[in-house]
């Protein structure tokens, strides 16, 4: 989905819109899944990265600008625990019990004028 909003800076508002976001690369160099006896599944992802391309535009009372941009997020670490009920009373279900995510670096490049 597009991101649209406004922020108040100094003497005025900045209106922004980020659209046409596309994930262009995902790297998962270290990922593992393990069973937690009697409770569920543990997923660990280490040192992952993600690249997203997008269109952007901003408007203030003084100027407006737009263009293309790239966001690269690296050194992403995720640990998630999923619970799986052990009864056989219905369809199998999985629910997220806990999730911890950290990211190390975010690199944003904005190019003006599409």
PDB file of N, CA and C in Angstrom:
ATOM      1  N   UNK A   1       0.827  -1.208   0.000  1.00  0.00           N
ATOM      2  CA  UNK A   1       0.000   0.000   0.000  1.00  0.00           C
ATOM      3  C   UNK A   1       0.865   1.263   0.000  1.00  0.00           C
ATOM      4  N   UNK A   2       0.304   2.330  -0.512  1.00  0.00           N
ATOM      5  CA  UNK A   2       0.990   3.620  -0.520  1.00  0.00           C
ATOM      6  C   UNK A   2       1.045   4.195   0.890  1.00  0.00           C
ATOM      7  N   UNK A   3       2.054   5.022   1.148  1.00  0.00           N
ATOM      8  CA  UNK A   3       2.171   5.739   2.420  1.00  0.00           C
ATOM      9  C   UNK A   3       1.958   7.213   2.129  1.00  0.00           C
ATOM     10  N   UNK A   4       0.953   7.806   2.758  1.00  0.00           N
ATOM     11  CA  UNK A   4       0.640   9.206   2.555  1.00  0.00           C
ATOM     12  C   UNK A   4       0.447   9.853   3.912  1.00  0.00           C
ATOM     13  N   UNK A   5       0.942  11.074   4.056  1.00  0.00           N
ATOM     14  CA  UNK A   5       0.758  11.756   5.326  1.00  0.00           C
ATOM     15  C   UNK A   5       1.363  13.135   5.303  1.00  0.00           C
ATOM     16  N   UNK A   6       1.463  13.718   6.487  1.00  0.00           N
ATOM     17  CA  UNK A   6       2.091  15.027   6.616  1.00  0.00           C
ATOM     18  C   UNK A   6       2.771  15.123   7.973  1.00  0.00           C
ATOM     19  N   UNK A   7       3.804  15.928   8.023  1.00  0.00           N
ATOM     20  CA  UNK A   7       4.568  16.183   9.237  1.00  0.00           C
ATOM     21  C   UNK A   7       4.737  17.680   9.385  1.00  0.00           C
ATOM     22  N   UNK A   8       4.735  18.162  10.625  1.00  0.00           N
ATOM     23  CA  UNK A   8       4.938  19.588  10.864  1.00  0.00           C
ATOM     24  C   UNK A   8       6.417  19.824  11.159  1.00  0.00           C
ATOM     25  N   UNK A   9       7.036  20.691  10.354  1.00  0.00           N
ATOM     26  CA  UNK A   9       8.435  21.056  10.520  1.00  0.00           C
ATOM     27  C   UNK A   9       8.531  22.578  10.539  1.00  0.00           C
ATOM     28  N   UNK A  10       9.065  23.122  11.587  1.00  0.00           N
ATOM     29  CA  UNK A  10       9.327  24.559  11.641  1.00  0.00           C
ATOM     30  C   UNK A  10       8.115  25.408  11.332  1.00  0.00           C
ATOM     31  N   UNK A  11       8.150  26.073  10.196  1.00  0.00           N
ATOM     32  CA  UNK A  11       7.106  27.031   9.835  1.00  0.00           C
ATOM     33  C   UNK A  11       5.952  26.442   9.042  1.00  0.00           C
ATOM     34  N   UNK A  12       5.977  25.166   8.730  1.00  0.00           N
ATOM     35  CA  UNK A  12       4.883  24.634   7.928  1.00  0.00           C
ATOM     36  C   UNK A  12       4.816  23.130   7.919  1.00  0.00           C
ATOM     37  N   UNK A  13       3.873  22.632   7.142  1.00  0.00           N
ATOM     38  CA  UNK A  13       3.672  21.195   6.996  1.00  0.00           C
ATOM     39  C   UNK A  13       4.377  20.679   5.752  1.00  0.00           C
ATOM     40  N   UNK A  14       4.853  19.457   5.841  1.00  0.00           N
ATOM     41  CA  UNK A  14       5.402  18.751   4.694  1.00  0.00           C
ATOM     42  C   UNK A  14       4.448  17.601   4.400  1.00  0.00           C
ATOM     43  N   UNK A  15       3.867  17.609   3.204  1.00  0.00           N
ATOM     44  CA  UNK A  15       3.005  16.512   2.777  1.00  0.00           C
ATOM     45  C   UNK A  15       3.853  15.554   1.950  1.00  0.00           C
ATOM     46  N   UNK A  16       3.667  14.255   2.168  1.00  0.00           N
ATOM     47  CA  UNK A  16       4.461  13.272   1.443  1.00  0.00           C
ATOM     48  C   UNK A  16       3.588  12.127   0.948  1.00  0.00           C
ATOM     49  N   UNK A  17       4.084  11.467  -0.088  1.00  0.00           N
ATOM     50  CA  UNK A  17       3.441  10.277  -0.619  1.00  0.00           C
ATOM     51  C   UNK A  17       4.532   9.352  -1.127  1.00  0.00           C
ATOM     52  N   UNK A  18       4.502   8.112  -0.691  1.00  0.00           N
ATOM     53  CA  UNK A  18       5.415   7.076  -1.168  1.00  0.00           C
ATOM     54  C   UNK A  18       4.536   6.020  -1.827  1.00  0.00           C
ATOM     55  N   UNK A  19       4.789   5.753  -3.110  1.00  0.00           N
ATOM     56  CA  UNK A  19       3.915   4.847  -3.856  1.00  0.00           C
ATOM     57  C   UNK A  19       4.723   3.870  -4.703  1.00  0.00           C
ATOM     58  N   UNK A  20       4.012   2.914  -5.261  1.00  0.00           N
ATOM     59  CA  UNK A  20       4.593   1.910  -6.153  1.00  0.00           C
ATOM     60  C   UNK A  20       5.818   1.237  -5.549  1.00  0.00           C
ATOM     61  N   UNK A  21       5.686   0.836  -4.282  1.00  0.00           N
ATOM     62  CA  UNK A  21       6.785   0.154  -3.603  1.00  0.00           C
ATOM     63  C   UNK A  21       6.881  -1.284  -4.109  1.00  0.00           C
ATOM     64  N   UNK A  22       8.091  -1.685  -4.469  1.00  0.00           N
ATOM     65  CA  UNK A  22       8.340  -3.040  -4.947  1.00  0.00           C
ATOM     66  C   UNK A  22       9.575  -3.592  -4.264  1.00  0.00           C
ATOM     67  N   UNK A  23       9.447  -4.769  -3.674  1.00  0.00           N
ATOM     68  CA  UNK A  23      10.602  -5.457  -3.103  1.00  0.00           C
ATOM     69  C   UNK A  23      11.375  -6.053  -4.270  1.00  0.00           C
ATOM     70  N   UNK A  24      12.616  -5.623  -4.431  1.00  0.00           N
ATOM     71  CA  UNK A  24      13.414  -6.081  -5.574  1.00  0.00           C
ATOM     72  C   UNK A  24      14.476  -7.102  -5.193  1.00  0.00           C
ATOM     73  N   UNK A  25      14.783  -7.221  -3.903  1.00  0.00           N
ATOM     74  CA  UNK A  25      15.777  -8.208  -3.478  1.00  0.00           C
ATOM     75  C   UNK A  25      15.564  -8.561  -2.006  1.00  0.00           C
ATOM     76  N   UNK A  26      15.692  -9.844  -1.707  1.00  0.00           N
ATOM     77  CA  UNK A  26      15.656 -10.345  -0.330  1.00  0.00           C
ATOM     78  C   UNK A  26      16.781 -11.362  -0.203  1.00  0.00           C
ATOM     79  N   UNK A  27      17.593 -11.206   0.821  1.00  0.00           N
ATOM     80  CA  UNK A  27      18.669 -12.170   1.074  1.00  0.00           C
ATOM     81  C   UNK A  27      18.523 -12.699   2.485  1.00  0.00           C
ATOM     82  N   UNK A  28      18.519 -14.030   2.599  1.00  0.00           N
ATOM     83  CA  UNK A  28      18.430 -14.707   3.895  1.00  0.00           C
ATOM     84  C   UNK A  28      19.622 -15.653   4.033  1.00  0.00           C
ATOM     85  N   UNK A  29      20.809 -15.099   4.294  1.00  0.00           N
ATOM     86  CA  UNK A  29      21.999 -15.950   4.333  1.00  0.00           C
ATOM     87  C   UNK A  29      22.014 -16.946   5.489  1.00  0.00           C
ATOM     88  N   UNK A  30      21.268 -16.656   6.546  1.00  0.00           N
ATOM     89  CA  UNK A  30      21.248 -17.549   7.700  1.00  0.00           C
ATOM     90  C   UNK A  30      19.826 -17.635   8.231  1.00  0.00           C
ATOM     91  N   UNK A  31      19.198 -18.795   8.021  1.00  0.00           N
ATOM     92  CA  UNK A  31      17.835 -18.999   8.516  1.00  0.00           C
ATOM     93  C   UNK A  31      17.719 -20.421   9.029  1.00  0.00           C
ATOM     94  N   UNK A  32      17.011 -20.570  10.146  1.00  0.00           N
ATOM     95  CA  UNK A  32      16.811 -21.913  10.693  1.00  0.00           C
ATOM     96  C   UNK A  32      15.432 -22.020  11.338  1.00  0.00           C
ATOM     97  N   UNK A  33      14.893 -23.222  11.306  1.00  0.00           N
ATOM     98  CA  UNK A  33      13.625 -23.532  11.961  1.00  0.00           C
ATOM     99  C   UNK A  33      13.878 -24.715  12.875  1.00  0.00           C
ATOM    100  N   UNK A  34      13.399 -24.594  14.106  1.00  0.00           N
ATOM    101  CA  UNK A  34      13.546 -25.708  15.043  1.00  0.00           C
ATOM    102  C   UNK A  34      12.240 -25.945  15.784  1.00  0.00           C
ATOM    103  N   UNK A  35      12.037 -27.183  16.189  1.00  0.00           N
ATOM    104  CA  UNK A  35      10.839 -27.535  16.944  1.00  0.00           C
ATOM    105  C   UNK A  35      11.086 -27.296  18.425  1.00  0.00           C
ATOM    106  N   UNK A  36      10.109 -26.732  19.097  1.00  0.00           N
ATOM    107  CA  UNK A  36      10.152 -26.554  20.543  1.00  0.00           C
ATOM    108  C   UNK A  36       9.211 -27.589  21.133  1.00  0.00           C
ATOM    109  N   UNK A  37       9.750 -28.628  21.753  1.00  0.00           N
ATOM    110  CA  UNK A  37       8.923 -29.739  22.226  1.00  0.00           C
ATOM    111  C   UNK A  37       7.738 -29.267  23.077  1.00  0.00           C
ATOM    112  N   UNK A  38       6.555 -29.708  22.672  1.00  0.00           N
ATOM    113  CA  UNK A  38       5.346 -29.424  23.426  1.00  0.00           C
ATOM    114  C   UNK A  38       4.794 -28.021  23.258  1.00  0.00           C
ATOM    115  N   UNK A  39       5.484 -27.149  22.483  1.00  0.00           N
ATOM    116  CA  UNK A  39       4.953 -25.789  22.413  1.00  0.00           C
ATOM    117  C   UNK A  39       4.865 -25.210  21.007  1.00  0.00           C
ATOM    118  N   UNK A  40       5.802 -25.525  20.114  1.00  0.00           N
ATOM    119  CA  UNK A  40       5.685 -24.925  18.797  1.00  0.00           C
ATOM    120  C   UNK A  40       6.942 -24.940  17.968  1.00  0.00           C
ATOM    121  N   UNK A  41       7.142 -23.844  17.257  1.00  0.00           N
ATOM    122  CA  UNK A  41       8.217 -23.733  16.279  1.00  0.00           C
ATOM    123  C   UNK A  41       8.967 -22.424  16.512  1.00  0.00           C
ATOM    124  N   UNK A  42      10.295 -22.482  16.390  1.00  0.00           N
ATOM    125  CA  UNK A  42      11.129 -21.285  16.512  1.00  0.00           C
ATOM    126  C   UNK A  42      11.787 -21.020  15.163  1.00  0.00           C
ATOM    127  N   UNK A  43      11.633 -19.785  14.669  1.00  0.00           N
ATOM    128  CA  UNK A  43      12.237 -19.360  13.420  1.00  0.00           C
ATOM    129  C   UNK A  43      13.291 -18.309  13.743  1.00  0.00           C
ATOM    130  N   UNK A  44      14.515 -18.502  13.246  1.00  0.00           N
ATOM    131  CA  UNK A  44      15.587 -17.544  13.457  1.00  0.00           C
ATOM    132  C   UNK A  44      16.167 -17.172  12.093  1.00  0.00           C
ATOM    133  N   UNK A  45      16.201 -15.873  11.812  1.00  0.00           N
ATOM    134  CA  UNK A  45      16.784 -15.360  10.577  1.00  0.00           C
ATOM    135  C   UNK A  45      17.892 -14.395  10.984  1.00  0.00           C
ATOM    136  N   UNK A  46      19.080 -14.600  10.436  1.00  0.00           N
ATOM    137  CA  UNK A  46      20.204 -13.758  10.802  1.00  0.00           C
ATOM    138  C   UNK A  46      20.839 -13.075   9.604  1.00  0.00           C
ATOM    139  N   UNK A  47      21.229 -11.824   9.792  1.00  0.00           N
ATOM    140  CA  UNK A  47      21.964 -11.046   8.809  1.00  0.00           C
ATOM    141  C   UNK A  47      21.250 -10.965   7.453  1.00  0.00           C
ATOM    142  N   UNK A  48      19.943 -10.799   7.491  1.00  0.00           N
ATOM    143  CA  UNK A  48      19.156 -10.692   6.264  1.00  0.00           C
ATOM    144  C   UNK A  48      19.233  -9.267   5.712  1.00  0.00           C
ATOM    145  N   UNK A  49      18.818  -9.123   4.453  1.00  0.00           N
ATOM    146  CA  UNK A  49      18.739  -7.791   3.853  1.00  0.00           C
ATOM    147  C   UNK A  49      17.548  -7.732   2.905  1.00  0.00           C
ATOM    148  N   UNK A  50      17.122  -6.493   2.642  1.00  0.00           N
ATOM    149  CA  UNK A  50      15.930  -6.254   1.841  1.00  0.00           C
ATOM    150  C   UNK A  50      16.137  -4.959   1.054  1.00  0.00           C
ATOM    151  N   UNK A  51      15.772  -4.958  -0.236  1.00  0.00           N
ATOM    152  CA  UNK A  51      15.845  -3.753  -1.057  1.00  0.00           C
ATOM    153  C   UNK A  51      14.462  -3.457  -1.623  1.00  0.00           C
ATOM    154  N   UNK A  52      14.047  -2.192  -1.501  1.00  0.00           N
ATOM    155  CA  UNK A  52      12.728  -1.752  -1.962  1.00  0.00           C
ATOM    156  C   UNK A  52      12.913  -0.548  -2.885  1.00  0.00           C
ATOM    157  N   UNK A  53      12.289  -0.585  -4.055  1.00  0.00           N
ATOM    158  CA  UNK A  53      12.242   0.570  -4.961  1.00  0.00           C
ATOM    159  C   UNK A  53      10.882   1.225  -4.830  1.00  0.00           C
ATOM    160  N   UNK A  54      10.815   2.553  -5.052  1.00  0.00           N
ATOM    161  CA  UNK A  54       9.556   3.268  -4.847  1.00  0.00           C
ATOM    162  C   UNK A  54       9.559   4.588  -5.602  1.00  0.00           C
ATOM    163  N   UNK A  55       8.377   5.179  -5.722  1.00  0.00           N
ATOM    164  CA  UNK A  55       8.211   6.568  -6.161  1.00  0.00           C
ATOM    165  C   UNK A  55       7.945   7.396  -4.912  1.00  0.00           C
ATOM    166  N   UNK A  56       8.354   8.661  -4.929  1.00  0.00           N
ATOM    167  CA  UNK A  56       8.101   9.532  -3.782  1.00  0.00           C
ATOM    168  C   UNK A  56       7.773  10.937  -4.275  1.00  0.00           C
ATOM    169  N   UNK A  57       7.026  11.664  -3.474  1.00  0.00           N
ATOM    170  CA  UNK A  57       6.847  13.083  -3.723  1.00  0.00           C
ATOM    171  C   UNK A  57       6.570  13.797  -2.415  1.00  0.00           C
ATOM    172  N   UNK A  58       7.046  15.034  -2.337  1.00  0.00           N
ATOM    173  CA  UNK A  58       6.809  15.876  -1.167  1.00  0.00           C
ATOM    174  C   UNK A  58       6.334  17.241  -1.646  1.00  0.00           C
ATOM    175  N   UNK A  59       5.583  17.909  -0.772  1.00  0.00           N
ATOM    176  CA  UNK A  59       5.080  19.243  -1.091  1.00  0.00           C
ATOM    177  C   UNK A  59       5.062  20.063   0.197  1.00  0.00           C
ATOM    178  N   UNK A  60       5.605  21.258   0.116  1.00  0.00           N
ATOM    179  CA  UNK A  60       5.550  22.217   1.219  1.00  0.00           C
ATOM    180  C   UNK A  60       4.980  23.516   0.656  1.00  0.00           C
ATOM    181  N   UNK A  61       4.842  24.509   1.490  1.00  0.00           N
ATOM    182  CA  UNK A  61       4.342  25.798   1.015  1.00  0.00           C
ATOM    183  C   UNK A  61       5.351  26.490   0.104  1.00  0.00           C
ATOM    184  N   UNK A  62       6.644  26.069   0.186  1.00  0.00           N
ATOM    185  CA  UNK A  62       7.694  26.708  -0.619  1.00  0.00           C
ATOM    186  C   UNK A  62       8.018  25.961  -1.910  1.00  0.00           C
ATOM    187  N   UNK A  63       7.954  24.626  -1.889  1.00  0.00           N
ATOM    188  CA  UNK A  63       8.368  23.861  -3.058  1.00  0.00           C
ATOM    189  C   UNK A  63       7.697  22.501  -3.080  1.00  0.00           C
ATOM    190  N   UNK A  64       7.836  21.828  -4.230  1.00  0.00           N
ATOM    191  CA  UNK A  64       7.415  20.447  -4.350  1.00  0.00           C
ATOM    192  C   UNK A  64       8.464  19.712  -5.171  1.00  0.00           C
ATOM    193  N   UNK A  65       8.597  18.417  -4.910  1.00  0.00           N
ATOM    194  CA  UNK A  65       9.579  17.620  -5.628  1.00  0.00           C
ATOM    195  C   UNK A  65       9.091  16.183  -5.651  1.00  0.00           C
ATOM    196  N   UNK A  66       9.590  15.414  -6.608  1.00  0.00           N
ATOM    197  CA  UNK A  66       9.217  14.005  -6.711  1.00  0.00           C
ATOM    198  C   UNK A  66      10.331  13.249  -7.412  1.00  0.00           C
ATOM    199  N   UNK A  67      10.267  11.939  -7.347  1.00  0.00           N
ATOM    200  CA  UNK A  67      11.276  11.121  -8.009  1.00  0.00           C
ATOM    201  C   UNK A  67      11.146   9.661  -7.653  1.00  0.00           C
ATOM    202  N   UNK A  68      12.232   8.946  -7.852  1.00  0.00           N
ATOM    203  CA  UNK A  68      12.325   7.523  -7.522  1.00  0.00           C
ATOM    204  C   UNK A  68      13.268   7.377  -6.339  1.00  0.00           C
ATOM    205  N   UNK A  69      13.120   6.296  -5.615  1.00  0.00           N
ATOM    206  CA  UNK A  69      13.987   6.059  -4.475  1.00  0.00           C
ATOM    207  C   UNK A  69      14.248   4.582  -4.267  1.00  0.00           C
ATOM    208  N   UNK A  70      15.309   4.302  -3.529  1.00  0.00           N
ATOM    209  CA  UNK A  70      15.669   2.935  -3.153  1.00  0.00           C
ATOM    210  C   UNK A  70      15.986   2.918  -1.666  1.00  0.00           C
ATOM    211  N   UNK A  71      15.437   1.937  -0.972  1.00  0.00           N
ATOM    212  CA  UNK A  71      15.729   1.727   0.445  1.00  0.00           C
ATOM    213  C   UNK A  71      16.370   0.356   0.567  1.00  0.00           C
ATOM    214  N   UNK A  72      17.554   0.312   1.187  1.00  0.00           N
ATOM    215  CA  UNK A  72      18.238  -0.963   1.430  1.00  0.00           C
ATOM    216  C   UNK A  72      18.389  -1.123   2.941  1.00  0.00           C
ATOM    217  N   UNK A  73      17.793  -2.180   3.472  1.00  0.00           N
ATOM    218  CA  UNK A  73      17.855  -2.476   4.904  1.00  0.00           C
ATOM    219  C   UNK A  73      18.730  -3.715   5.060  1.00  0.00           C
ATOM    220  N   UNK A  74      19.760  -3.622   5.907  1.00  0.00           N
ATOM    221  CA  UNK A  74      20.662  -4.762   6.085  1.00  0.00           C
ATOM    222  C   UNK A  74      20.887  -5.037   7.569  1.00  0.00           C
ATOM    223  N   UNK A  75      21.558  -6.154   7.823  1.00  0.00           N
ATOM    224  CA  UNK A  75      21.826  -6.620   9.186  1.00  0.00           C
ATOM    225  C   UNK A  75      20.521  -6.786   9.964  1.00  0.00           C
ATOM    226  N   UNK A  76      19.543  -7.434   9.306  1.00  0.00           N
ATOM    227  CA  UNK A  76      18.242  -7.690   9.923  1.00  0.00           C
ATOM    228  C   UNK A  76      18.286  -9.046  10.623  1.00  0.00           C
ATOM    229  N   UNK A  77      17.845  -9.046  11.880  1.00  0.00           N
ATOM    230  CA  UNK A  77      17.783 -10.272  12.669  1.00  0.00           C
ATOM    231  C   UNK A  77      16.360 -10.442  13.191  1.00  0.00           C
ATOM    232  N   UNK A  78      15.805 -11.646  13.012  1.00  0.00           N
ATOM    233  CA  UNK A  78      14.434 -11.934  13.432  1.00  0.00           C
ATOM    234  C   UNK A  78      14.424 -13.235  14.224  1.00  0.00           C
ATOM    235  N   UNK A  79      13.750 -13.216  15.358  1.00  0.00           N
ATOM    236  CA  UNK A  79      13.470 -14.432  16.105  1.00  0.00           C
ATOM    237  C   UNK A  79      11.975 -14.462  16.367  1.00  0.00           C
ATOM    238  N   UNK A  80      11.310 -15.512  15.907  1.00  0.00           N
ATOM    239  CA  UNK A  80       9.865 -15.631  16.065  1.00  0.00           C
ATOM    240  C   UNK A  80       9.519 -16.997  16.647  1.00  0.00           C
ATOM    241  N   UNK A  81       8.570 -17.001  17.563  1.00  0.00           N
ATOM    242  CA  UNK A  81       8.072 -18.241  18.161  1.00  0.00           C
ATOM    243  C   UNK A  81       6.606 -18.394  17.752  1.00  0.00           C
ATOM    244  N   UNK A  82       6.282 -19.543  17.170  1.00  0.00           N
ATOM    245  CA  UNK A  82       4.910 -19.859  16.777  1.00  0.00           C
ATOM    246  C   UNK A  82       4.401 -20.998  17.644  1.00  0.00           C
ATOM    247  N   UNK A  83       3.177 -20.877  18.153  1.00  0.00           N
ATOM    248  CA  UNK A  83       2.603 -21.972  18.932  1.00  0.00           C
ATOM    249  C   UNK A  83       1.677 -22.782  18.042  1.00  0.00           C
ATOM    250  N   UNK A  84       1.670 -24.077  18.296  1.00  0.00           N
ATOM    251  CA  UNK A  84       0.814 -24.997  17.556  1.00  0.00           C
ATOM    252  C   UNK A  84       0.056 -25.857  18.560  1.00  0.00           C
ATOM    253  N   UNK A  85      -1.260 -25.675  18.645  1.00  0.00           N
ATOM    254  CA  UNK A  85      -2.039 -26.492  19.578  1.00  0.00           C
ATOM    255  C   UNK A  85      -1.880 -27.976  19.251  1.00  0.00           C
ATOM    256  N   UNK A  86      -1.812 -28.796  20.295  1.00  0.00           N
ATOM    257  CA  UNK A  86      -1.568 -30.224  20.101  1.00  0.00           C
ATOM    258  C   UNK A  86      -2.838 -31.061  20.047  1.00  0.00           C
ATOM    259  N   UNK A  87      -4.011 -30.447  20.235  1.00  0.00           N
ATOM    260  CA  UNK A  87      -5.237 -31.250  20.176  1.00  0.00           C
ATOM    261  C   UNK A  87      -5.622 -31.505  18.716  1.00  0.00           C
ATOM    262  N   UNK A  88      -6.350 -32.574  18.515  1.00  0.00           N
ATOM    263  CA  UNK A  88      -6.770 -32.961  17.169  1.00  0.00           C
ATOM    264  C   UNK A  88      -8.240 -32.633  16.940  1.00  0.00           C
ATOM    265  N   UNK A  89      -8.740 -31.579  17.563  1.00  0.00           N
ATOM    266  CA  UNK A  89     -10.164 -31.275  17.512  1.00  0.00           C
ATOM    267  C   UNK A  89     -10.574 -30.509  16.258  1.00  0.00           C
ATOM    268  N   UNK A  90      -9.662 -30.112  15.439  1.00  0.00           N
ATOM    269  CA  UNK A  90     -10.024 -29.346  14.245  1.00  0.00           C
ATOM    270  C   UNK A  90      -8.826 -29.135  13.362  1.00  0.00           C
ATOM    271  N   UNK A  91      -8.951 -28.199  12.443  1.00  0.00           N
ATOM    272  CA  UNK A  91      -7.819 -27.935  11.556  1.00  0.00           C
ATOM    273  C   UNK A  91      -6.613 -27.404  12.338  1.00  0.00           C
ATOM    274  N   UNK A  92      -5.452 -27.720  11.842  1.00  0.00           N
ATOM    275  CA  UNK A  92      -4.229 -27.249  12.486  1.00  0.00           C
ATOM    276  C   UNK A  92      -4.145 -25.732  12.383  1.00  0.00           C
ATOM    277  N   UNK A  93      -3.788 -25.104  13.481  1.00  0.00           N
ATOM    278  CA  UNK A  93      -3.625 -23.651  13.470  1.00  0.00           C
ATOM    279  C   UNK A  93      -2.260 -23.295  14.040  1.00  0.00           C
ATOM    280  N   UNK A  94      -1.753 -22.164  13.600  1.00  0.00           N
ATOM    281  CA  UNK A  94      -0.469 -21.656  14.087  1.00  0.00           C
ATOM    282  C   UNK A  94      -0.683 -20.201  14.461  1.00  0.00           C
ATOM    283  N   UNK A  95      -0.186 -19.818  15.639  1.00  0.00           N
ATOM    284  CA  UNK A  95      -0.287 -18.413  16.034  1.00  0.00           C
ATOM    285  C   UNK A  95       1.085 -17.913  16.476  1.00  0.00           C
ATOM    286  N   UNK A  96       1.327 -16.644  16.210  1.00  0.00           N
ATOM    287  CA  UNK A  96       2.590 -16.015  16.581  1.00  0.00           C
ATOM    288  C   UNK A  96       2.549 -15.695  18.067  1.00  0.00           C
ATOM    289  N   UNK A  97       3.478 -16.274  18.834  1.00  0.00           N
ATOM    290  CA  UNK A  97       3.540 -16.061  20.275  1.00  0.00           C
ATOM    291  C   UNK A  97       4.448 -14.895  20.619  1.00  0.00           C
ATOM    292  N   UNK A  98       5.598 -14.819  19.962  1.00  0.00           N
ATOM    293  CA  UNK A  98       6.518 -13.697  20.191  1.00  0.00           C
ATOM    294  C   UNK A  98       7.353 -13.465  18.938  1.00  0.00           C
ATOM    295  N   UNK A  99       7.808 -12.212  18.797  1.00  0.00           N
ATOM    296  CA  UNK A  99       8.632 -11.859  17.646  1.00  0.00           C
ATOM    297  C   UNK A  99       9.552 -10.717  18.056  1.00  0.00           C
ATOM    298  N   UNK A 100      10.823 -10.851  17.729  1.00  0.00           N
ATOM    299  CA  UNK A 100      11.798  -9.797  17.999  1.00  0.00           C
ATOM    300  C   UNK A 100      12.584  -9.555  16.723  1.00  0.00           C
ATOM    301  N   UNK A 101      12.632  -8.294  16.296  1.00  0.00           N
ATOM    302  CA  UNK A 101      13.323  -7.929  15.069  1.00  0.00           C
ATOM    303  C   UNK A 101      14.229  -6.732  15.322  1.00  0.00           C
ATOM    304  N   UNK A 102      15.441  -6.794  14.800  1.00  0.00           N
ATOM    305  CA  UNK A 102      16.344  -5.651  14.853  1.00  0.00           C
ATOM    306  C   UNK A 102      16.947  -5.457  13.469  1.00  0.00           C
ATOM    307  N   UNK A 103      17.268  -4.209  13.143  1.00  0.00           N
ATOM    308  CA  UNK A 103      17.959  -3.947  11.883  1.00  0.00           C
ATOM    309  C   UNK A 103      19.154  -3.061  12.182  1.00  0.00           C
ATOM    310  N   UNK A 104      20.226  -3.286  11.458  1.00  0.00           N
ATOM    311  CA  UNK A 104      21.455  -2.556  11.722  1.00  0.00           C
ATOM    312  C   UNK A 104      21.621  -1.321  10.875  1.00  0.00           C
ATOM    313  N   UNK A 105      21.446  -1.436   9.568  1.00  0.00           N
ATOM    314  CA  UNK A 105      21.710  -0.319   8.660  1.00  0.00           C
ATOM    315  C   UNK A 105      20.525  -0.099   7.733  1.00  0.00           C
ATOM    316  N   UNK A 106      20.202   1.177   7.511  1.00  0.00           N
ATOM    317  CA  UNK A 106      19.192   1.553   6.526  1.00  0.00           C
ATOM    318  C   UNK A 106      19.808   2.618   5.634  1.00  0.00           C
ATOM    319  N   UNK A 107      19.853   2.334   4.339  1.00  0.00           N
ATOM    320  CA  UNK A 107      20.423   3.254   3.359  1.00  0.00           C
ATOM    321  C   UNK A 107      19.289   3.708   2.439  1.00  0.00           C
ATOM    322  N   UNK A 108      19.032   5.022   2.385  1.00  0.00           N
ATOM    323  CA  UNK A 108      17.953   5.588   1.568  1.00  0.00           C
ATOM    324  C   UNK A 108      18.570   6.480   0.499  1.00  0.00           C
ATOM    325  N   UNK A 109      18.223   6.211  -0.756  1.00  0.00           N
ATOM    326  CA  UNK A 109      18.683   7.049  -1.860  1.00  0.00           C
ATOM    327  C   UNK A 109      17.460   7.579  -2.588  1.00  0.00           C
ATOM    328  N   UNK A 110      17.379   8.914  -2.688  1.00  0.00           N
ATOM    329  CA  UNK A 110      16.282   9.565  -3.386  1.00  0.00           C
ATOM    330  C   UNK A 110      16.825  10.272  -4.618  1.00  0.00           C
ATOM    331  N   UNK A 111      16.226  10.015  -5.752  1.00  0.00           N
ATOM    332  CA  UNK A 111      16.584  10.686  -7.006  1.00  0.00           C
ATOM    333  C   UNK A 111      15.419  11.571  -7.397  1.00  0.00           C
ATOM    334  N   UNK A 112      15.699  12.829  -7.702  1.00  0.00           N
ATOM    335  CA  UNK A 112      14.652  13.778  -8.050  1.00  0.00           C
ATOM    336  C   UNK A 112      14.163  13.631  -9.474  1.00  0.00           C
ATOM    337  N   UNK A 113      12.999  14.140  -9.718  1.00  0.00           N
ATOM    338  CA  UNK A 113      12.360  14.191 -11.033  1.00  0.00           C
ATOM    339  C   UNK A 113      12.306  12.833 -11.710  1.00  0.00           C
ATOM    340  N   UNK A 114      11.119  12.236 -11.665  1.00  0.00           N
ATOM    341  CA  UNK A 114      10.908  10.925 -12.269  1.00  0.00           C
ATOM    342  C   UNK A 114      11.191  10.934 -13.734  1.00  0.00           C
TER     343      UNK A 114
END
